[in-house]
Amino acid sequence: MIPDGANKTSLIVYSGGLTNEYNIMRQYQYCMRPRFCCEFCCHPSLEHEGCLYFGDNDVNQGPLLADLKNALNPIIDRIGTIQIPHHGALKNFNVDILNINKNQKSFFVSFGIHNTYGHPSMRVIDDVVRSGSCLFEVTGNRGSGYMQLIYPY
């Protein structure tokens, strides 16, 4: 057994280009704000193809977020999509990830629809939606998902 729980060992992963050599096409499903959906949803985007995956990290741990922004500085403006940490758990969420860069437009959260932990937190959902960003859900439901395709020129 890992002391203090296994979630303290989760990786943070960036997926995306390092240069401007890509055409980007995105497809989204199951927006969590259907009545107030922005025009960004379900439309192709030609920039900001990077995706940042937080896994089960607690982004409130010390200087994690500041250190991450510093490490990603050369590519931080490429990030257009972020995975909400730890299935949208409130204790792992920091509202500052909503402003990781000026291009931030979409977030996704993965969670089991029958989980007993209350993931995602309604406060996390509210924070993301009120920021003007799109929030997409990825669950065990058939057809649920988030897909981003990056095509080189």
Foldseek 3Di string as FASTA:
>chain_A
DDPPDDLQPDDKDKDDDLDLFWAKFWAADAWVCVVDDDPVHGGGDGALQMEIEQEQAQCVPPCNLVVVLVVCVSPQSSHAEYEAHPQQDPRSGDLCVCPSDPNHAEYEGEDEPPDPPCGNPPVSVVSNVVSNHIYAYAYPDVPGDTDIDMGGD
